[in-house]
Amino acid sequence: MSDLNNKIAKYVISALLGTLIGSVAYFVQPVRWEGQALIKVGSVLVKGSQKTTSITVGLENASIEEMQVVIERLKSPSFVQAVVKKLENEKAAELIYSKGDLGFKTRSIRNSDALVITLNGTSPALVRSALDAVVGELLYVHGNIFSEDVSSIQREITALESEIDMISRRLDTIINANAHKGENPDDEKNLIAGLATVVILHDMDVKSDHLRALRENISSLNSKPTRLAQPVSVMEWRMFKQLWQACIIGAFLGAFLSFIWARFGKIRIK
């Protein structure tokens, strides 16, 4: 009976020691801060898989850059250097270059045009500053690409409007010429004029369709710049979220080690 009481006492003492160690570990554990940014990659007017500024049928919208290209861009030394140049805080700049658990990482969200940028550090202010710089540089680069595409499409729209206006004036000229022939028109010339009118009308319809497609695709509903899908967030990360978690884990670990030690001691005695 006394042996059983001794064993129980050992387990209790070990559990108490484990609880004490767990509580100490909670207060001395390293604290890490994790920042997250959800980015929605913008879309521009393309034909198939190639960007185009020509007036063609089959225009559609696609991402400003393919997701894999965006991720590789974020990893590229030139991009990192551009981010560091904009950071006034040297420690935040060092965080950008960090490897391992610290530094920033990217991952794409499957079946979407969104990606998550995460950055870990030891200070919430440094994490937010560095992450804001990374996001800002990506939005700046994609903003330039988006502006170039929109400007190119706007030039195409202007050129197409001029072509349609010229065709319309040409059509008016043919109609007015036929109207002044009087009661004795030349049948052959009328036939030629009629065929020309049909061709011109068809050409105008085709160009008008292209113009409408361009205007629809350049609208805010179809073409959008890269943007933050939600504000940048910075959260604290700990191995033990609560004190009671550290105490319980410490107690179980202490009792378990006491049990192992008792079993190991018996084996050695034998």
Foldseek 3Di string as FASTA:
>chain_A
DVVVVVLVVQLQVLLVVLLVVLLVCQVPFAKKKKKKFKKFFWKFKDADPGRDLDLDPRIAIDGLDPPVVLQVCLVDPVLLVQLLVPQPDVVLNVQCVDDDPAHKHKDADPPHRMIMIMGMDRDQVSRVRNVVSSVVSSLVVQVVSLVVRLVSNVVVLVVLVVVLVVLVVVLVVLVVVVVPCPDDDDPVVVVVSVVVNVVSVVVNVSSVVSSVVSVVCSDCVHTDHMDTPDDMDMDMDGPDPDSVVSSNVSSVVSSVVSVVVVVVVVVVVD
